[in-house]
């Protein structure tokens, strides 16, 4: 990962506040299953987030794919959310500087 707090600049913060980046990022992950680079590019194209910030969202996707695939067969399920919260969110919060609470 890059420097911590990659999404805390004003421009990224505004995008995160006004865009459903999570939904877009999920969508991009599904479209580009297993290809983290393409998925990350897809998120960036759709949102306009900075390079450093979009990497954080990309990392959550790959983490979810590698650690929570079984739990996330039903993506919006509690099991899936809990798995991602437990395994992927601490790194995401450090990377992005965003709190997910």
PDB file of N, CA and C in Angstrom:
ATOM      1  N   UNK A   1       0.821  -1.213   0.000  1.00  0.00           N
ATOM      2  CA  UNK A   1       0.000   0.000   0.000  1.00  0.00           C
ATOM      3  C   UNK A   1       0.850   1.257   0.000  1.00  0.00           C
ATOM      4  N   UNK A   2       0.253   2.353  -0.351  1.00  0.00           N
ATOM      5  CA  UNK A   2       0.964   3.624  -0.395  1.00  0.00           C
ATOM      6  C   UNK A   2       0.901   4.302   0.955  1.00  0.00           C
ATOM      7  N   UNK A   3       0.993   5.610   0.970  1.00  0.00           N
ATOM      8  CA  UNK A   3       0.908   6.340   2.237  1.00  0.00           C
ATOM      9  C   UNK A   3      -0.500   6.198   2.818  1.00  0.00           C
ATOM     10  N   UNK A   4      -0.585   6.215   4.139  1.00  0.00           N
ATOM     11  CA  UNK A   4      -1.900   6.085   4.748  1.00  0.00           C
ATOM     12  C   UNK A   4      -2.732   7.349   4.544  1.00  0.00           C
ATOM     13  N   UNK A   5      -4.045   7.178   4.578  1.00  0.00           N
ATOM     14  CA  UNK A   5      -4.928   8.324   4.468  1.00  0.00           C
ATOM     15  C   UNK A   5      -5.039   8.854   3.054  1.00  0.00           C
ATOM     16  N   UNK A   6      -4.978   7.944   2.065  1.00  0.00           N
ATOM     17  CA  UNK A   6      -4.924   8.341   0.658  1.00  0.00           C
ATOM     18  C   UNK A   6      -6.202   9.029   0.156  1.00  0.00           C
ATOM     19  N   UNK A   7      -7.319   8.852   0.867  1.00  0.00           N
ATOM     20  CA  UNK A   7      -8.584   9.420   0.379  1.00  0.00           C
ATOM     21  C   UNK A   7      -9.033  10.648   1.163  1.00  0.00           C
ATOM     22  N   UNK A   8      -8.144  11.188   2.003  1.00  0.00           N
ATOM     23  CA  UNK A   8      -8.590  12.265   2.891  1.00  0.00           C
ATOM     24  C   UNK A   8      -8.469  13.656   2.273  1.00  0.00           C
ATOM     25  N   UNK A   9      -7.893  13.758   1.056  1.00  0.00           N
ATOM     26  CA  UNK A   9      -7.823  15.068   0.413  1.00  0.00           C
ATOM     27  C   UNK A   9      -9.228  15.527   0.010  1.00  0.00           C
ATOM     28  N   UNK A  10      -9.383  16.825  -0.181  1.00  0.00           N
ATOM     29  CA  UNK A  10     -10.712  17.399  -0.400  1.00  0.00           C
ATOM     30  C   UNK A  10     -11.429  16.804  -1.613  1.00  0.00           C
ATOM     31  N   UNK A  11     -10.711  16.602  -2.707  1.00  0.00           N
ATOM     32  CA  UNK A  11     -11.349  16.117  -3.925  1.00  0.00           C
ATOM     33  C   UNK A  11     -11.882  14.694  -3.748  1.00  0.00           C
ATOM     34  N   UNK A  12     -11.027  13.801  -3.228  1.00  0.00           N
ATOM     35  CA  UNK A  12     -11.465  12.418  -3.023  1.00  0.00           C
ATOM     36  C   UNK A  12     -12.597  12.351  -2.007  1.00  0.00           C
ATOM     37  N   UNK A  13     -12.462  13.153  -0.943  1.00  0.00           N
ATOM     38  CA  UNK A  13     -13.467  13.173   0.116  1.00  0.00           C
ATOM     39  C   UNK A  13     -14.837  13.535  -0.464  1.00  0.00           C
ATOM     40  N   UNK A  14     -14.845  14.516  -1.358  1.00  0.00           N
ATOM     41  CA  UNK A  14     -16.102  14.950  -1.967  1.00  0.00           C
ATOM     42  C   UNK A  14     -16.713  13.844  -2.824  1.00  0.00           C
ATOM     43  N   UNK A  15     -15.863  13.145  -3.585  1.00  0.00           N
ATOM     44  CA  UNK A  15     -16.340  12.036  -4.414  1.00  0.00           C
ATOM     45  C   UNK A  15     -16.930  10.941  -3.530  1.00  0.00           C
ATOM     46  N   UNK A  16     -16.211  10.613  -2.456  1.00  0.00           N
ATOM     47  CA  UNK A  16     -16.672   9.553  -1.552  1.00  0.00           C
ATOM     48  C   UNK A  16     -18.006   9.943  -0.898  1.00  0.00           C
ATOM     49  N   UNK A  17     -18.152  11.238  -0.584  1.00  0.00           N
ATOM     50  CA  UNK A  17     -19.384  11.702   0.055  1.00  0.00           C
ATOM     51  C   UNK A  17     -20.573  11.730  -0.896  1.00  0.00           C
ATOM     52  N   UNK A  18     -20.321  11.935  -2.191  1.00  0.00           N
ATOM     53  CA  UNK A  18     -21.434  12.142  -3.112  1.00  0.00           C
ATOM     54  C   UNK A  18     -21.662  10.975  -4.069  1.00  0.00           C
ATOM     55  N   UNK A  19     -20.814   9.970  -4.016  1.00  0.00           N
ATOM     56  CA  UNK A  19     -20.903   8.846  -4.942  1.00  0.00           C
ATOM     57  C   UNK A  19     -20.990   7.557  -4.144  1.00  0.00           C
ATOM     58  N   UNK A  20     -21.738   6.585  -4.640  1.00  0.00           N
ATOM     59  CA  UNK A  20     -21.748   5.297  -3.960  1.00  0.00           C
ATOM     60  C   UNK A  20     -20.561   4.474  -4.445  1.00  0.00           C
ATOM     61  N   UNK A  21     -19.386   4.839  -3.960  1.00  0.00           N
ATOM     62  CA  UNK A  21     -18.155   4.204  -4.426  1.00  0.00           C
ATOM     63  C   UNK A  21     -18.180   2.711  -4.121  1.00  0.00           C
ATOM     64  N   UNK A  22     -18.764   2.345  -2.995  1.00  0.00           N
ATOM     65  CA  UNK A  22     -18.817   0.932  -2.627  1.00  0.00           C
ATOM     66  C   UNK A  22     -19.568   0.116  -3.661  1.00  0.00           C
ATOM     67  N   UNK A  23     -20.724   0.628  -4.092  1.00  0.00           N
ATOM     68  CA  UNK A  23     -21.528  -0.079  -5.089  1.00  0.00           C
ATOM     69  C   UNK A  23     -20.779  -0.169  -6.415  1.00  0.00           C
ATOM     70  N   UNK A  24     -20.159   0.939  -6.811  1.00  0.00           N
ATOM     71  CA  UNK A  24     -19.400   0.966  -8.062  1.00  0.00           C
ATOM     72  C   UNK A  24     -18.241  -0.012  -7.982  1.00  0.00           C
ATOM     73  N   UNK A  25     -17.572  -0.001  -6.844  1.00  0.00           N
ATOM     74  CA  UNK A  25     -16.409  -0.842  -6.680  1.00  0.00           C
ATOM     75  C   UNK A  25     -16.810  -2.319  -6.695  1.00  0.00           C
ATOM     76  N   UNK A  26     -17.965  -2.626  -6.121  1.00  0.00           N
ATOM     77  CA  UNK A  26     -18.473  -3.996  -6.136  1.00  0.00           C
ATOM     78  C   UNK A  26     -18.801  -4.427  -7.560  1.00  0.00           C
ATOM     79  N   UNK A  27     -19.462  -3.524  -8.271  1.00  0.00           N
ATOM     80  CA  UNK A  27     -19.822  -3.744  -9.658  1.00  0.00           C
ATOM     81  C   UNK A  27     -18.591  -4.025 -10.513  1.00  0.00           C
ATOM     82  N   UNK A  28     -17.577  -3.199 -10.329  1.00  0.00           N
ATOM     83  CA  UNK A  28     -16.336  -3.344 -11.079  1.00  0.00           C
ATOM     84  C   UNK A  28     -15.642  -4.653 -10.740  1.00  0.00           C
ATOM     85  N   UNK A  29     -15.718  -5.052  -9.484  1.00  0.00           N
ATOM     86  CA  UNK A  29     -15.100  -6.312  -9.066  1.00  0.00           C
ATOM     87  C   UNK A  29     -15.770  -7.481  -9.773  1.00  0.00           C
ATOM     88  N   UNK A  30     -17.101  -7.434  -9.856  1.00  0.00           N
ATOM     89  CA  UNK A  30     -17.831  -8.512 -10.515  1.00  0.00           C
ATOM     90  C   UNK A  30     -17.523  -8.569 -12.003  1.00  0.00           C
ATOM     91  N   UNK A  31     -17.481  -7.401 -12.641  1.00  0.00           N
ATOM     92  CA  UNK A  31     -17.215  -7.353 -14.081  1.00  0.00           C
ATOM     93  C   UNK A  31     -15.826  -7.848 -14.419  1.00  0.00           C
ATOM     94  N   UNK A  32     -14.892  -7.662 -13.507  1.00  0.00           N
ATOM     95  CA  UNK A  32     -13.492  -8.007 -13.771  1.00  0.00           C
ATOM     96  C   UNK A  32     -12.995  -9.059 -12.793  1.00  0.00           C
ATOM     97  N   UNK A  33     -13.821 -10.053 -12.558  1.00  0.00           N
ATOM     98  CA  UNK A  33     -13.502 -11.081 -11.564  1.00  0.00           C
ATOM     99  C   UNK A  33     -12.049 -11.514 -11.624  1.00  0.00           C
ATOM    100  N   UNK A  34     -11.375 -11.387 -10.499  1.00  0.00           N
ATOM    101  CA  UNK A  34     -10.020 -11.887 -10.410  1.00  0.00           C
ATOM    102  C   UNK A  34      -8.965 -10.980 -11.029  1.00  0.00           C
ATOM    103  N   UNK A  35      -9.378  -9.922 -11.735  1.00  0.00           N
ATOM    104  CA  UNK A  35      -8.380  -9.020 -12.290  1.00  0.00           C
ATOM    105  C   UNK A  35      -8.396  -7.710 -11.527  1.00  0.00           C
ATOM    106  N   UNK A  36      -7.575  -7.640 -10.495  1.00  0.00           N
ATOM    107  CA  UNK A  36      -7.575  -6.482  -9.594  1.00  0.00           C
ATOM    108  C   UNK A  36      -7.242  -5.195 -10.341  1.00  0.00           C
ATOM    109  N   UNK A  37      -6.309  -5.287 -11.287  1.00  0.00           N
ATOM    110  CA  UNK A  37      -5.877  -4.098 -12.000  1.00  0.00           C
ATOM    111  C   UNK A  37      -7.024  -3.493 -12.820  1.00  0.00           C
ATOM    112  N   UNK A  38      -7.726  -4.355 -13.559  1.00  0.00           N
ATOM    113  CA  UNK A  38      -8.856  -3.890 -14.375  1.00  0.00           C
ATOM    114  C   UNK A  38      -9.991  -3.380 -13.493  1.00  0.00           C
ATOM    115  N   UNK A  39     -10.232  -4.073 -12.392  1.00  0.00           N
ATOM    116  CA  UNK A  39     -11.303  -3.663 -11.484  1.00  0.00           C
ATOM    117  C   UNK A  39     -10.997  -2.275 -10.918  1.00  0.00           C
ATOM    118  N   UNK A  40      -9.751  -2.061 -10.525  1.00  0.00           N
ATOM    119  CA  UNK A  40      -9.351  -0.776  -9.967  1.00  0.00           C
ATOM    120  C   UNK A  40      -9.479   0.332 -11.008  1.00  0.00           C
ATOM    121  N   UNK A  41      -9.074   0.039 -12.228  1.00  0.00           N
ATOM    122  CA  UNK A  41      -9.199   1.009 -13.325  1.00  0.00           C
ATOM    123  C   UNK A  41     -10.670   1.345 -13.564  1.00  0.00           C
ATOM    124  N   UNK A  42     -11.507   0.330 -13.499  1.00  0.00           N
ATOM    125  CA  UNK A  42     -12.947   0.496 -13.682  1.00  0.00           C
ATOM    126  C   UNK A  42     -13.516   1.437 -12.622  1.00  0.00           C
ATOM    127  N   UNK A  43     -13.102   1.244 -11.377  1.00  0.00           N
ATOM    128  CA  UNK A  43     -13.567   2.113 -10.287  1.00  0.00           C
ATOM    129  C   UNK A  43     -13.116   3.546 -10.550  1.00  0.00           C
ATOM    130  N   UNK A  44     -11.865   3.696 -10.964  1.00  0.00           N
ATOM    131  CA  UNK A  44     -11.343   5.032 -11.191  1.00  0.00           C
ATOM    132  C   UNK A  44     -12.066   5.729 -12.341  1.00  0.00           C
ATOM    133  N   UNK A  45     -12.305   4.986 -13.421  1.00  0.00           N
ATOM    134  CA  UNK A  45     -13.020   5.564 -14.557  1.00  0.00           C
ATOM    135  C   UNK A  45     -14.410   6.034 -14.143  1.00  0.00           C
ATOM    136  N   UNK A  46     -15.063   5.247 -13.289  1.00  0.00           N
ATOM    137  CA  UNK A  46     -16.435   5.545 -12.899  1.00  0.00           C
ATOM    138  C   UNK A  46     -16.531   6.657 -11.857  1.00  0.00           C
ATOM    139  N   UNK A  47     -15.486   6.832 -11.037  1.00  0.00           N
ATOM    140  CA  UNK A  47     -15.591   7.760  -9.916  1.00  0.00           C
ATOM    141  C   UNK A  47     -14.708   8.990 -10.033  1.00  0.00           C
ATOM    142  N   UNK A  48     -13.562   8.851 -10.701  1.00  0.00           N
ATOM    143  CA  UNK A  48     -12.612   9.959 -10.769  1.00  0.00           C
ATOM    144  C   UNK A  48     -11.760  10.100  -9.516  1.00  0.00           C
ATOM    145  N   UNK A  49     -11.711   9.066  -8.686  1.00  0.00           N
ATOM    146  CA  UNK A  49     -10.871   9.105  -7.492  1.00  0.00           C
ATOM    147  C   UNK A  49      -9.398   9.166  -7.885  1.00  0.00           C
ATOM    148  N   UNK A  50      -8.567   9.704  -7.007  1.00  0.00           N
ATOM    149  CA  UNK A  50      -7.131   9.787  -7.262  1.00  0.00           C
ATOM    150  C   UNK A  50      -6.530   8.385  -7.312  1.00  0.00           C
ATOM    151  N   UNK A  51      -5.363   8.280  -7.958  1.00  0.00           N
ATOM    152  CA  UNK A  51      -4.677   6.987  -8.074  1.00  0.00           C
ATOM    153  C   UNK A  51      -4.468   6.335  -6.715  1.00  0.00           C
ATOM    154  N   UNK A  52      -3.986   7.133  -5.761  1.00  0.00           N
ATOM    155  CA  UNK A  52      -3.651   6.581  -4.444  1.00  0.00           C
ATOM    156  C   UNK A  52      -4.907   6.087  -3.728  1.00  0.00           C
ATOM    157  N   UNK A  53      -5.976   6.845  -3.831  1.00  0.00           N
ATOM    158  CA  UNK A  53      -7.207   6.493  -3.134  1.00  0.00           C
ATOM    159  C   UNK A  53      -7.878   5.273  -3.757  1.00  0.00           C
ATOM    160  N   UNK A  54      -7.928   5.236  -5.072  1.00  0.00           N
ATOM    161  CA  UNK A  54      -8.640   4.145  -5.743  1.00  0.00           C
ATOM    162  C   UNK A  54      -7.982   2.797  -5.458  1.00  0.00           C
ATOM    163  N   UNK A  55      -6.671   2.822  -5.210  1.00  0.00           N
ATOM    164  CA  UNK A  55      -5.954   1.599  -4.854  1.00  0.00           C
ATOM    165  C   UNK A  55      -6.535   0.982  -3.580  1.00  0.00           C
ATOM    166  N   UNK A  56      -6.942   1.807  -2.635  1.00  0.00           N
ATOM    167  CA  UNK A  56      -7.508   1.301  -1.378  1.00  0.00           C
ATOM    168  C   UNK A  56      -8.787   0.517  -1.645  1.00  0.00           C
ATOM    169  N   UNK A  57      -9.644   1.071  -2.515  1.00  0.00           N
ATOM    170  CA  UNK A  57     -10.884   0.374  -2.860  1.00  0.00           C
ATOM    171  C   UNK A  57     -10.579  -0.914  -3.613  1.00  0.00           C
ATOM    172  N   UNK A  58      -9.585  -0.854  -4.484  1.00  0.00           N
ATOM    173  CA  UNK A  58      -9.176  -2.042  -5.219  1.00  0.00           C
ATOM    174  C   UNK A  58      -8.683  -3.140  -4.296  1.00  0.00           C
ATOM    175  N   UNK A  59      -7.967  -2.731  -3.243  1.00  0.00           N
ATOM    176  CA  UNK A  59      -7.427  -3.717  -2.307  1.00  0.00           C
ATOM    177  C   UNK A  59      -8.529  -4.406  -1.510  1.00  0.00           C
ATOM    178  N   UNK A  60      -9.583  -3.663  -1.179  1.00  0.00           N
ATOM    179  CA  UNK A  60     -10.719  -4.292  -0.485  1.00  0.00           C
ATOM    180  C   UNK A  60     -11.327  -5.358  -1.385  1.00  0.00           C
ATOM    181  N   UNK A  61     -11.469  -5.038  -2.670  1.00  0.00           N
ATOM    182  CA  UNK A  61     -12.009  -6.007  -3.617  1.00  0.00           C
ATOM    183  C   UNK A  61     -11.182  -7.280  -3.666  1.00  0.00           C
ATOM    184  N   UNK A  62      -9.865  -7.141  -3.837  1.00  0.00           N
ATOM    185  CA  UNK A  62      -9.055  -8.357  -3.933  1.00  0.00           C
ATOM    186  C   UNK A  62      -9.057  -9.104  -2.625  1.00  0.00           C
ATOM    187  N   UNK A  63      -9.077  -8.369  -1.518  1.00  0.00           N
ATOM    188  CA  UNK A  63      -9.140  -9.020  -0.208  1.00  0.00           C
ATOM    189  C   UNK A  63     -10.436  -9.805  -0.087  1.00  0.00           C
ATOM    190  N   UNK A  64     -11.535  -9.179  -0.460  1.00  0.00           N
ATOM    191  CA  UNK A  64     -12.830  -9.848  -0.390  1.00  0.00           C
ATOM    192  C   UNK A  64     -12.865 -11.096  -1.249  1.00  0.00           C
ATOM    193  N   UNK A  65     -12.278 -10.984  -2.443  1.00  0.00           N
ATOM    194  CA  UNK A  65     -12.257 -12.129  -3.353  1.00  0.00           C
ATOM    195  C   UNK A  65     -11.435 -13.270  -2.775  1.00  0.00           C
ATOM    196  N   UNK A  66     -10.287 -12.937  -2.167  1.00  0.00           N
ATOM    197  CA  UNK A  66      -9.410 -14.010  -1.729  1.00  0.00           C
ATOM    198  C   UNK A  66      -9.827 -14.571  -0.375  1.00  0.00           C
ATOM    199  N   UNK A  67     -10.385 -13.726   0.509  1.00  0.00           N
ATOM    200  CA  UNK A  67     -10.657 -14.211   1.863  1.00  0.00           C
ATOM    201  C   UNK A  67     -12.118 -14.528   2.129  1.00  0.00           C
ATOM    202  N   UNK A  68     -13.028 -13.966   1.321  1.00  0.00           N
ATOM    203  CA  UNK A  68     -14.449 -14.080   1.659  1.00  0.00           C
ATOM    204  C   UNK A  68     -15.300 -14.611   0.520  1.00  0.00           C
ATOM    205  N   UNK A  69     -14.678 -15.259  -0.450  1.00  0.00           N
ATOM    206  CA  UNK A  69     -15.419 -15.702  -1.620  1.00  0.00           C
ATOM    207  C   UNK A  69     -16.622 -16.565  -1.243  1.00  0.00           C
ATOM    208  N   UNK A  70     -16.398 -17.557  -0.367  1.00  0.00           N
ATOM    209  CA  UNK A  70     -17.488 -18.463   0.005  1.00  0.00           C
ATOM    210  C   UNK A  70     -18.628 -17.711   0.704  1.00  0.00           C
ATOM    211  N   UNK A  71     -18.260 -16.793   1.610  1.00  0.00           N
ATOM    212  CA  UNK A  71     -19.262 -16.048   2.361  1.00  0.00           C
ATOM    213  C   UNK A  71     -20.009 -15.055   1.462  1.00  0.00           C
ATOM    214  N   UNK A  72     -19.361 -14.642   0.376  1.00  0.00           N
ATOM    215  CA  UNK A  72     -19.926 -13.584  -0.454  1.00  0.00           C
ATOM    216  C   UNK A  72     -20.595 -14.087  -1.724  1.00  0.00           C
ATOM    217  N   UNK A  73     -20.918 -15.382  -1.740  1.00  0.00           N
ATOM    218  CA  UNK A  73     -21.710 -15.902  -2.857  1.00  0.00           C
ATOM    219  C   UNK A  73     -23.021 -15.112  -2.893  1.00  0.00           C
ATOM    220  N   UNK A  74     -23.523 -14.759  -1.715  1.00  0.00           N
ATOM    221  CA  UNK A  74     -24.635 -13.811  -1.607  1.00  0.00           C
ATOM    222  C   UNK A  74     -24.034 -12.507  -1.115  1.00  0.00           C
ATOM    223  N   UNK A  75     -23.705 -11.601  -2.047  1.00  0.00           N
ATOM    224  CA  UNK A  75     -22.903 -10.418  -1.763  1.00  0.00           C
ATOM    225  C   UNK A  75     -23.452  -9.516  -0.673  1.00  0.00           C
ATOM    226  N   UNK A  76     -24.761  -9.333  -0.611  1.00  0.00           N
ATOM    227  CA  UNK A  76     -25.277  -8.387   0.379  1.00  0.00           C
ATOM    228  C   UNK A  76     -25.588  -9.067   1.712  1.00  0.00           C
ATOM    229  N   UNK A  77     -25.168 -10.329   1.865  1.00  0.00           N
ATOM    230  CA  UNK A  77     -25.496 -11.062   3.085  1.00  0.00           C
ATOM    231  C   UNK A  77     -24.680 -10.580   4.273  1.00  0.00           C
ATOM    232  N   UNK A  78     -25.187 -10.836   5.485  1.00  0.00           N
ATOM    233  CA  UNK A  78     -24.474 -10.462   6.701  1.00  0.00           C
ATOM    234  C   UNK A  78     -23.134 -11.180   6.784  1.00  0.00           C
ATOM    235  N   UNK A  79     -23.129 -12.466   6.384  1.00  0.00           N
ATOM    236  CA  UNK A  79     -21.896 -13.255   6.443  1.00  0.00           C
ATOM    237  C   UNK A  79     -20.806 -12.594   5.620  1.00  0.00           C
ATOM    238  N   UNK A  80     -21.175 -12.128   4.424  1.00  0.00           N
ATOM    239  CA  UNK A  80     -20.223 -11.495   3.527  1.00  0.00           C
ATOM    240  C   UNK A  80     -19.698 -10.203   4.151  1.00  0.00           C
ATOM    241  N   UNK A  81     -20.619  -9.362   4.609  1.00  0.00           N
ATOM    242  CA  UNK A  81     -20.247  -8.094   5.223  1.00  0.00           C
ATOM    243  C   UNK A  81     -19.331  -8.309   6.423  1.00  0.00           C
ATOM    244  N   UNK A  82     -19.693  -9.274   7.267  1.00  0.00           N
ATOM    245  CA  UNK A  82     -18.903  -9.540   8.464  1.00  0.00           C
ATOM    246  C   UNK A  82     -17.507 -10.017   8.105  1.00  0.00           C
ATOM    247  N   UNK A  83     -17.408 -10.872   7.099  1.00  0.00           N
ATOM    248  CA  UNK A  83     -16.108 -11.384   6.679  1.00  0.00           C
ATOM    249  C   UNK A  83     -15.233 -10.240   6.176  1.00  0.00           C
ATOM    250  N   UNK A  84     -15.805  -9.375   5.349  1.00  0.00           N
ATOM    251  CA  UNK A  84     -15.033  -8.263   4.799  1.00  0.00           C
ATOM    252  C   UNK A  84     -14.667  -7.266   5.896  1.00  0.00           C
ATOM    253  N   UNK A  85     -15.617  -6.992   6.790  1.00  0.00           N
ATOM    254  CA  UNK A  85     -15.322  -6.094   7.920  1.00  0.00           C
ATOM    255  C   UNK A  85     -14.143  -6.628   8.727  1.00  0.00           C
ATOM    256  N   UNK A  86     -14.168  -7.915   9.000  1.00  0.00           N
ATOM    257  CA  UNK A  86     -13.145  -8.518   9.850  1.00  0.00           C
ATOM    258  C   UNK A  86     -11.790  -8.616   9.144  1.00  0.00           C
ATOM    259  N   UNK A  87     -11.797  -8.998   7.871  1.00  0.00           N
ATOM    260  CA  UNK A  87     -10.544  -9.303   7.178  1.00  0.00           C
ATOM    261  C   UNK A  87      -9.967  -8.157   6.356  1.00  0.00           C
ATOM    262  N   UNK A  88     -10.834  -7.269   5.869  1.00  0.00           N
ATOM    263  CA  UNK A  88     -10.372  -6.297   4.880  1.00  0.00           C
ATOM    264  C   UNK A  88     -10.475  -4.840   5.315  1.00  0.00           C
ATOM    265  N   UNK A  89     -11.404  -4.540   6.220  1.00  0.00           N
ATOM    266  CA  UNK A  89     -11.648  -3.143   6.540  1.00  0.00           C
ATOM    267  C   UNK A  89     -10.535  -2.439   7.320  1.00  0.00           C
ATOM    268  N   UNK A  90      -9.867  -3.118   8.275  1.00  0.00           N
ATOM    269  CA  UNK A  90      -8.794  -2.406   8.988  1.00  0.00           C
ATOM    270  C   UNK A  90      -7.735  -1.858   8.029  1.00  0.00           C
ATOM    271  N   UNK A  91      -7.332  -2.668   7.041  1.00  0.00           N
ATOM    272  CA  UNK A  91      -6.336  -2.222   6.059  1.00  0.00           C
ATOM    273  C   UNK A  91      -6.907  -1.099   5.201  1.00  0.00           C
ATOM    274  N   UNK A  92      -8.187  -1.234   4.835  1.00  0.00           N
ATOM    275  CA  UNK A  92      -8.818  -0.197   4.017  1.00  0.00           C
ATOM    276  C   UNK A  92      -8.860   1.139   4.749  1.00  0.00           C
ATOM    277  N   UNK A  93      -9.228   1.085   6.019  1.00  0.00           N
ATOM    278  CA  UNK A  93      -9.325   2.324   6.799  1.00  0.00           C
ATOM    279  C   UNK A  93      -7.974   2.999   6.931  1.00  0.00           C
ATOM    280  N   UNK A  94      -6.921   2.194   7.129  1.00  0.00           N
ATOM    281  CA  UNK A  94      -5.579   2.767   7.219  1.00  0.00           C
ATOM    282  C   UNK A  94      -5.160   3.358   5.884  1.00  0.00           C
ATOM    283  N   UNK A  95      -5.410   2.604   4.809  1.00  0.00           N
ATOM    284  CA  UNK A  95      -5.014   3.010   3.466  1.00  0.00           C
ATOM    285  C   UNK A  95      -5.739   4.301   3.059  1.00  0.00           C
ATOM    286  N   UNK A  96      -7.052   4.321   3.261  1.00  0.00           N
ATOM    287  CA  UNK A  96      -7.855   5.430   2.740  1.00  0.00           C
ATOM    288  C   UNK A  96      -7.960   6.603   3.712  1.00  0.00           C
ATOM    289  N   UNK A  97      -7.861   6.296   5.011  1.00  0.00           N
ATOM    290  CA  UNK A  97      -8.080   7.333   6.017  1.00  0.00           C
ATOM    291  C   UNK A  97      -9.556   7.556   6.253  1.00  0.00           C
ATOM    292  N   UNK A  98     -10.406   6.725   5.625  1.00  0.00           N
ATOM    293  CA  UNK A  98     -11.848   6.852   5.791  1.00  0.00           C
ATOM    294  C   UNK A  98     -12.298   5.901   6.878  1.00  0.00           C
ATOM    295  N   UNK A  99     -13.267   6.341   7.658  1.00  0.00           N
ATOM    296  CA  UNK A  99     -13.847   5.433   8.635  1.00  0.00           C
ATOM    297  C   UNK A  99     -15.074   4.824   7.988  1.00  0.00           C
ATOM    298  N   UNK A 100     -15.273   3.529   8.196  1.00  0.00           N
ATOM    299  CA  UNK A 100     -16.397   2.883   7.531  1.00  0.00           C
ATOM    300  C   UNK A 100     -17.580   2.686   8.472  1.00  0.00           C
ATOM    301  N   UNK A 101     -17.530   3.316   9.622  1.00  0.00           N
ATOM    302  CA  UNK A 101     -18.644   3.162  10.569  1.00  0.00           C
ATOM    303  C   UNK A 101     -19.845   4.001  10.144  1.00  0.00           C
TER     304      UNK A 101
END
